[in-house]
Amino acid sequence: MSEPKRRRRLQICASNQLARRPDVIKQLKEEGWVVEVAECLDECTRCSSHAFALVAGRFAFAANPEAFLRKLR
């Protein structure tokens, strides 16, 4: 019997550049991510300058949304 597929979760701050890219969010969901847009993740400096999200309890960030997708893969 096969194991059920685990759903990977990430949280994105509503102010972050990732949240303003519906194409990126759609792609993440198609790749099996559960995407939650949070009001604020209390990382304002990082949020204003990088594409970033909280992934499995750790912050992941990249220079832009495309680089962020590459990093997750």
PDB file of N, CA and C in Angstrom:
ATOM      1  N   MET A   1       0.844  -1.180   0.000  1.00  0.00           N
ATOM      2  CA  MET A   1       0.000   0.000   0.000  1.00  0.00           C
ATOM      3  C   MET A   1       0.890   1.245   0.000  1.00  0.00           C
ATOM      4  N   SER A   2       0.617   2.190  -0.872  1.00  0.00           N
ATOM      5  CA  SER A   2       1.454   3.385  -0.974  1.00  0.00           C
ATOM      6  C   SER A   2       1.071   4.413   0.072  1.00  0.00           C
ATOM      7  N   GLU A   3       2.072   5.199   0.458  1.00  0.00           N
ATOM      8  CA  GLU A   3       1.839   6.270   1.431  1.00  0.00           C
ATOM      9  C   GLU A   3       1.125   7.432   0.770  1.00  0.00           C
ATOM     10  N   PRO A   4       0.267   8.131   1.525  1.00  0.00           N
ATOM     11  CA  PRO A   4      -0.368   9.319   0.948  1.00  0.00           C
ATOM     12  C   PRO A   4       0.674  10.407   0.707  1.00  0.00           C
ATOM     13  N   LYS A   5       0.472  11.175  -0.332  1.00  0.00           N
ATOM     14  CA  LYS A   5       1.401  12.256  -0.660  1.00  0.00           C
ATOM     15  C   LYS A   5       1.291  13.364   0.385  1.00  0.00           C
ATOM     16  N   ARG A   6       2.421  13.799   0.916  1.00  0.00           N
ATOM     17  CA  ARG A   6       2.437  14.891   1.886  1.00  0.00           C
ATOM     18  C   ARG A   6       2.271  16.214   1.164  1.00  0.00           C
ATOM     19  N   ARG A   7       1.508  17.083   1.758  1.00  0.00           N
ATOM     20  CA  ARG A   7       1.320  18.411   1.186  1.00  0.00           C
ATOM     21  C   ARG A   7       2.335  19.350   1.809  1.00  0.00           C
ATOM     22  N   ARG A   8       3.047  20.035   0.968  1.00  0.00           N
ATOM     23  CA  ARG A   8       4.053  20.992   1.425  1.00  0.00           C
ATOM     24  C   ARG A   8       3.384  22.348   1.590  1.00  0.00           C
ATOM     25  N   ARG A   9       3.697  23.035   2.683  1.00  0.00           N
ATOM     26  CA  ARG A   9       3.068  24.321   2.985  1.00  0.00           C
ATOM     27  C   ARG A   9       4.098  25.449   2.977  1.00  0.00           C
ATOM     28  N   LEU A  10       3.627  26.587   2.505  1.00  0.00           N
ATOM     29  CA  LEU A  10       4.428  27.796   2.649  1.00  0.00           C
ATOM     30  C   LEU A  10       3.514  28.972   2.897  1.00  0.00           C
ATOM     31  N   GLN A  11       4.011  29.913   3.678  1.00  0.00           N
ATOM     32  CA  GLN A  11       3.277  31.131   3.989  1.00  0.00           C
ATOM     33  C   GLN A  11       3.989  32.311   3.352  1.00  0.00           C
ATOM     34  N   ILE A  12       3.195  33.150   2.722  1.00  0.00           N
ATOM     35  CA  ILE A  12       3.720  34.342   2.068  1.00  0.00           C
ATOM     36  C   ILE A  12       3.074  35.561   2.716  1.00  0.00           C
ATOM     37  N   CYS A  13       3.867  36.556   3.013  1.00  0.00           N
ATOM     38  CA  CYS A  13       3.344  37.819   3.541  1.00  0.00           C
ATOM     39  C   CYS A  13       2.553  38.523   2.448  1.00  0.00           C
ATOM     40  N   ALA A  14       1.426  39.083   2.789  1.00  0.00           N
ATOM     41  CA  ALA A  14       0.581  39.768   1.817  1.00  0.00           C
ATOM     42  C   ALA A  14       1.285  40.942   1.141  1.00  0.00           C
ATOM     43  N   SER A  15       2.290  41.507   1.789  1.00  0.00           N
ATOM     44  CA  SER A  15       3.023  42.638   1.221  1.00  0.00           C
ATOM     45  C   SER A  15       4.199  42.216   0.345  1.00  0.00           C
ATOM     46  N   ASN A  16       4.526  40.943   0.336  1.00  0.00           N
ATOM     47  CA  ASN A  16       5.700  40.465  -0.386  1.00  0.00           C
ATOM     48  C   ASN A  16       5.433  40.381  -1.886  1.00  0.00           C
ATOM     49  N   GLN A  17       6.504  40.496  -2.673  1.00  0.00           N
ATOM     50  CA  GLN A  17       6.367  40.459  -4.133  1.00  0.00           C
ATOM     51  C   GLN A  17       5.810  39.132  -4.640  1.00  0.00           C
ATOM     52  N   LEU A  18       5.986  38.043  -3.897  1.00  0.00           N
ATOM     53  CA  LEU A  18       5.399  36.766  -4.310  1.00  0.00           C
ATOM     54  C   LEU A  18       3.872  36.825  -4.296  1.00  0.00           C
ATOM     55  N   ALA A  19       3.317  37.512  -3.303  1.00  0.00           N
ATOM     56  CA  ALA A  19       1.858  37.613  -3.173  1.00  0.00           C
ATOM     57  C   ALA A  19       1.234  38.405  -4.319  1.00  0.00           C
ATOM     58  N   ARG A  20       2.036  39.236  -4.966  1.00  0.00           N
ATOM     59  CA  ARG A  20       1.521  40.049  -6.077  1.00  0.00           C
ATOM     60  C   ARG A  20       1.732  39.376  -7.428  1.00  0.00           C
ATOM     61  N   ARG A  21       2.116  38.101  -7.409  1.00  0.00           N
ATOM     62  CA  ARG A  21       2.357  37.355  -8.645  1.00  0.00           C
ATOM     63  C   ARG A  21       1.445  36.126  -8.711  1.00  0.00           C
ATOM     64  N   PRO A  22       0.204  36.305  -9.176  1.00  0.00           N
ATOM     65  CA  PRO A  22      -0.720  35.167  -9.243  1.00  0.00           C
ATOM     66  C   PRO A  22      -0.184  34.021 -10.099  1.00  0.00           C
ATOM     67  N   ASP A  23       0.643  34.323 -11.090  1.00  0.00           N
ATOM     68  CA  ASP A  23       1.218  33.262 -11.920  1.00  0.00           C
ATOM     69  C   ASP A  23       2.160  32.380 -11.111  1.00  0.00           C
ATOM     70  N   VAL A  24       2.916  32.981 -10.203  1.00  0.00           N
ATOM     71  CA  VAL A  24       3.838  32.223  -9.359  1.00  0.00           C
ATOM     72  C   VAL A  24       3.050  31.387  -8.347  1.00  0.00           C
ATOM     73  N   ILE A  25       2.036  31.979  -7.744  1.00  0.00           N
ATOM     74  CA  ILE A  25       1.209  31.244  -6.783  1.00  0.00           C
ATOM     75  C   ILE A  25       0.528  30.063  -7.471  1.00  0.00           C
ATOM     76  N   LYS A  26       0.030  30.268  -8.674  1.00  0.00           N
ATOM     77  CA  LYS A  26      -0.604  29.187  -9.427  1.00  0.00           C
ATOM     78  C   LYS A  26       0.402  28.065  -9.696  1.00  0.00           C
ATOM     79  N   GLN A  27       1.600  28.428 -10.087  1.00  0.00           N
ATOM     80  CA  GLN A  27       2.631  27.437 -10.363  1.00  0.00           C
ATOM     81  C   GLN A  27       2.994  26.650  -9.108  1.00  0.00           C
ATOM     82  N   LEU A  28       3.115  27.331  -7.971  1.00  0.00           N
ATOM     83  CA  LEU A  28       3.410  26.656  -6.715  1.00  0.00           C
ATOM     84  C   LEU A  28       2.316  25.642  -6.382  1.00  0.00           C
ATOM     85  N   LYS A  29       1.068  26.049  -6.541  1.00  0.00           N
ATOM     86  CA  LYS A  29      -0.048  25.148  -6.249  1.00  0.00           C
ATOM     87  C   LYS A  29      -0.052  23.952  -7.188  1.00  0.00           C
ATOM     88  N   GLU A  30       0.269  24.180  -8.449  1.00  0.00           N
ATOM     89  CA  GLU A  30       0.332  23.076  -9.410  1.00  0.00           C
ATOM     90  C   GLU A  30       1.440  22.089  -9.060  1.00  0.00           C
ATOM     91  N   GLU A  31       2.482  22.578  -8.386  1.00  0.00           N
ATOM     92  CA  GLU A  31       3.597  21.719  -7.983  1.00  0.00           C
ATOM     93  C   GLU A  31       3.356  21.061  -6.627  1.00  0.00           C
ATOM     94  N   GLY A  32       2.155  21.241  -6.077  1.00  0.00           N
ATOM     95  CA  GLY A  32       1.795  20.557  -4.841  1.00  0.00           C
ATOM     96  C   GLY A  32       1.952  21.349  -3.558  1.00  0.00           C
ATOM     97  N   TRP A  33       2.274  22.615  -3.648  1.00  0.00           N
ATOM     98  CA  TRP A  33       2.413  23.452  -2.458  1.00  0.00           C
ATOM     99  C   TRP A  33       1.052  23.955  -2.008  1.00  0.00           C
ATOM    100  N   VAL A  34       0.852  24.028  -0.715  1.00  0.00           N
ATOM    101  CA  VAL A  34      -0.308  24.694  -0.131  1.00  0.00           C
ATOM    102  C   VAL A  34       0.179  26.093   0.204  1.00  0.00           C
ATOM    103  N   VAL A  35      -0.361  27.082  -0.476  1.00  0.00           N
ATOM    104  CA  VAL A  35       0.102  28.463  -0.331  1.00  0.00           C
ATOM    105  C   VAL A  35      -0.882  29.227   0.548  1.00  0.00           C
ATOM    106  N   GLU A  36      -0.372  29.793   1.634  1.00  0.00           N
ATOM    107  CA  GLU A  36      -1.176  30.620   2.527  1.00  0.00           C
ATOM    108  C   GLU A  36      -0.619  32.036   2.494  1.00  0.00           C
ATOM    109  N   VAL A  37      -1.487  33.003   2.252  1.00  0.00           N
ATOM    110  CA  VAL A  37      -1.067  34.405   2.273  1.00  0.00           C
ATOM    111  C   VAL A  37      -1.440  34.954   3.648  1.00  0.00           C
ATOM    112  N   ALA A  38      -0.426  35.336   4.409  1.00  0.00           N
ATOM    113  CA  ALA A  38      -0.612  35.849   5.763  1.00  0.00           C
ATOM    114  C   ALA A  38      -0.587  37.371   5.756  1.00  0.00           C
ATOM    115  N   GLU A  39      -1.237  37.968   6.713  1.00  0.00           N
ATOM    116  CA  GLU A  39      -1.250  39.424   6.844  1.00  0.00           C
ATOM    117  C   GLU A  39       0.172  39.971   6.986  1.00  0.00           C
ATOM    118  N   CYS A  40       0.953  39.387   7.901  1.00  0.00           N
ATOM    119  CA  CYS A  40       2.320  39.831   8.137  1.00  0.00           C
ATOM    120  C   CYS A  40       3.096  38.704   8.807  1.00  0.00           C
ATOM    121  N   LEU A  41       4.343  38.537   8.412  1.00  0.00           N
ATOM    122  CA  LEU A  41       5.208  37.523   9.018  1.00  0.00           C
ATOM    123  C   LEU A  41       6.332  38.153   9.849  1.00  0.00           C
ATOM    124  N   ASP A  42       6.217  39.455  10.130  1.00  0.00           N
ATOM    125  CA  ASP A  42       7.174  40.182  10.968  1.00  0.00           C
ATOM    126  C   ASP A  42       8.617  40.110  10.466  1.00  0.00           C
ATOM    127  N   GLU A  43       8.781  40.183   9.172  1.00  0.00           N
ATOM    128  CA  GLU A  43      10.114  40.210   8.550  1.00  0.00           C
ATOM    129  C   GLU A  43      10.141  41.354   7.524  1.00  0.00           C
ATOM    130  N   CYS A  44       9.775  42.546   7.954  1.00  0.00           N
ATOM    131  CA  CYS A  44       9.550  43.670   7.041  1.00  0.00           C
ATOM    132  C   CYS A  44      10.764  44.017   6.184  1.00  0.00           C
ATOM    133  N   THR A  45      11.946  43.998   6.749  1.00  0.00           N
ATOM    134  CA  THR A  45      13.136  44.338   5.973  1.00  0.00           C
ATOM    135  C   THR A  45      13.349  43.342   4.849  1.00  0.00           C
ATOM    136  N   ARG A  46      13.292  42.073   5.170  1.00  0.00           N
ATOM    137  CA  ARG A  46      13.452  41.012   4.170  1.00  0.00           C
ATOM    138  C   ARG A  46      12.292  41.039   3.174  1.00  0.00           C
ATOM    139  N   CYS A  47      11.101  41.246   3.668  1.00  0.00           N
ATOM    140  CA  CYS A  47       9.893  41.242   2.834  1.00  0.00           C
ATOM    141  C   CYS A  47       9.938  42.340   1.773  1.00  0.00           C
ATOM    142  N   SER A  48      10.437  43.498   2.134  1.00  0.00           N
ATOM    143  CA  SER A  48      10.441  44.621   1.203  1.00  0.00           C
ATOM    144  C   SER A  48      11.501  44.491   0.114  1.00  0.00           C
ATOM    145  N   SER A  49      12.503  43.649   0.335  1.00  0.00           N
ATOM    146  CA  SER A  49      13.595  43.592  -0.630  1.00  0.00           C
ATOM    147  C   SER A  49      13.784  42.252  -1.335  1.00  0.00           C
ATOM    148  N   HIS A  50      13.105  41.203  -0.880  1.00  0.00           N
ATOM    149  CA  HIS A  50      13.288  39.872  -1.463  1.00  0.00           C
ATOM    150  C   HIS A  50      11.954  39.158  -1.648  1.00  0.00           C
ATOM    151  N   ALA A  51      11.954  38.176  -2.526  1.00  0.00           N
ATOM    152  CA  ALA A  51      10.844  37.230  -2.594  1.00  0.00           C
ATOM    153  C   ALA A  51      11.103  36.256  -1.456  1.00  0.00           C
ATOM    154  N   PHE A  52      10.156  36.147  -0.512  1.00  0.00           N
ATOM    155  CA  PHE A  52      10.418  35.264   0.612  1.00  0.00           C
ATOM    156  C   PHE A  52       9.134  34.650   1.137  1.00  0.00           C
ATOM    157  N   ALA A  53       9.303  33.517   1.818  1.00  0.00           N
ATOM    158  CA  ALA A  53       8.170  32.810   2.409  1.00  0.00           C
ATOM    159  C   ALA A  53       8.667  32.000   3.595  1.00  0.00           C
ATOM    160  N   LEU A  54       7.734  31.627   4.437  1.00  0.00           N
ATOM    161  CA  LEU A  54       8.008  30.740   5.543  1.00  0.00           C
ATOM    162  C   LEU A  54       7.698  29.328   5.052  1.00  0.00           C
ATOM    163  N   VAL A  55       8.730  28.484   4.979  1.00  0.00           N
ATOM    164  CA  VAL A  55       8.606  27.132   4.447  1.00  0.00           C
ATOM    165  C   VAL A  55       9.018  26.152   5.537  1.00  0.00           C
ATOM    166  N   ALA A  56       8.081  25.329   5.970  1.00  0.00           N
ATOM    167  CA  ALA A  56       8.364  24.329   7.009  1.00  0.00           C
ATOM    168  C   ALA A  56       9.015  24.964   8.238  1.00  0.00           C
ATOM    169  N   GLY A  57       8.525  26.132   8.643  1.00  0.00           N
ATOM    170  CA  GLY A  57       9.027  26.796   9.836  1.00  0.00           C
ATOM    171  C   GLY A  57      10.320  27.577   9.666  1.00  0.00           C
ATOM    172  N   ARG A  58      10.846  27.612   8.443  1.00  0.00           N
ATOM    173  CA  ARG A  58      12.092  28.348   8.181  1.00  0.00           C
ATOM    174  C   ARG A  58      11.866  29.351   7.066  1.00  0.00           C
ATOM    175  N   PHE A  59      12.550  30.479   7.150  1.00  0.00           N
ATOM    176  CA  PHE A  59      12.416  31.484   6.109  1.00  0.00           C
ATOM    177  C   PHE A  59      13.295  31.127   4.916  1.00  0.00           C
ATOM    178  N   ALA A  60      12.705  31.203   3.732  1.00  0.00           N
ATOM    179  CA  ALA A  60      13.435  31.001   2.485  1.00  0.00           C
ATOM    180  C   ALA A  60      13.270  32.279   1.676  1.00  0.00           C
ATOM    181  N   PHE A  61      14.357  32.722   1.051  1.00  0.00           N
ATOM    182  CA  PHE A  61      14.246  33.950   0.271  1.00  0.00           C
ATOM    183  C   PHE A  61      15.178  33.911  -0.920  1.00  0.00           C
ATOM    184  N   ALA A  62      14.846  34.755  -1.906  1.00  0.00           N
ATOM    185  CA  ALA A  62      15.642  34.877  -3.123  1.00  0.00           C
ATOM    186  C   ALA A  62      15.468  36.301  -3.641  1.00  0.00           C
ATOM    187  N   ALA A  63      16.255  36.656  -4.624  1.00  0.00           N
ATOM    188  CA  ALA A  63      16.242  38.024  -5.155  1.00  0.00           C
ATOM    189  C   ALA A  63      14.928  38.382  -5.843  1.00  0.00           C
ATOM    190  N   ASN A  64      14.269  37.394  -6.466  1.00  0.00           N
ATOM    191  CA  ASN A  64      13.025  37.661  -7.191  1.00  0.00           C
ATOM    192  C   ASN A  64      12.177  36.388  -7.225  1.00  0.00           C
ATOM    193  N   PRO A  65      10.920  36.485  -7.649  1.00  0.00           N
ATOM    194  CA  PRO A  65      10.047  35.312  -7.650  1.00  0.00           C
ATOM    195  C   PRO A  65      10.566  34.141  -8.490  1.00  0.00           C
ATOM    196  N   GLU A  66      11.178  34.406  -9.615  1.00  0.00           N
ATOM    197  CA  GLU A  66      11.699  33.328 -10.455  1.00  0.00           C
ATOM    198  C   GLU A  66      12.825  32.571  -9.752  1.00  0.00           C
ATOM    199  N   ALA A  67      13.719  33.320  -9.112  1.00  0.00           N
ATOM    200  CA  ALA A  67      14.808  32.702  -8.363  1.00  0.00           C
ATOM    201  C   ALA A  67      14.259  31.919  -7.160  1.00  0.00           C
ATOM    202  N   PHE A  68      13.192  32.420  -6.558  1.00  0.00           N
ATOM    203  CA  PHE A  68      12.573  31.718  -5.446  1.00  0.00           C
ATOM    204  C   PHE A  68      12.025  30.365  -5.880  1.00  0.00           C
ATOM    205  N   LEU A  69      11.357  30.342  -7.030  1.00  0.00           N
ATOM    206  CA  LEU A  69      10.847  29.066  -7.550  1.00  0.00           C
ATOM    207  C   LEU A  69      11.983  28.084  -7.799  1.00  0.00           C
ATOM    208  N   ARG A  70      13.055  28.551  -8.395  1.00  0.00           N
ATOM    209  CA  ARG A  70      14.218  27.680  -8.648  1.00  0.00           C
ATOM    210  C   ARG A  70      14.784  27.124  -7.347  1.00  0.00           C
ATOM    211  N   LYS A  71      14.829  27.975  -6.336  1.00  0.00           N
ATOM    212  CA  LYS A  71      15.373  27.569  -5.039  1.00  0.00           C
ATOM    213  C   LYS A  71      14.502  26.489  -4.389  1.00  0.00           C
ATOM    214  N   LEU A  72      13.203  26.591  -4.520  1.00  0.00           N
ATOM    215  CA  LEU A  72      12.319  25.599  -3.927  1.00  0.00           C
ATOM    216  C   LEU A  72      12.451  24.238  -4.602  1.00  0.00           C
ATOM    217  N   ARG A  73      12.748  24.258  -5.862  1.00  0.00           N
ATOM    218  CA  ARG A  73      12.869  22.992  -6.615  1.00  0.00           C
ATOM    219  C   ARG A  73      14.158  22.339  -6.253  1.00  0.00           C
TER     220      ARG A  73
END
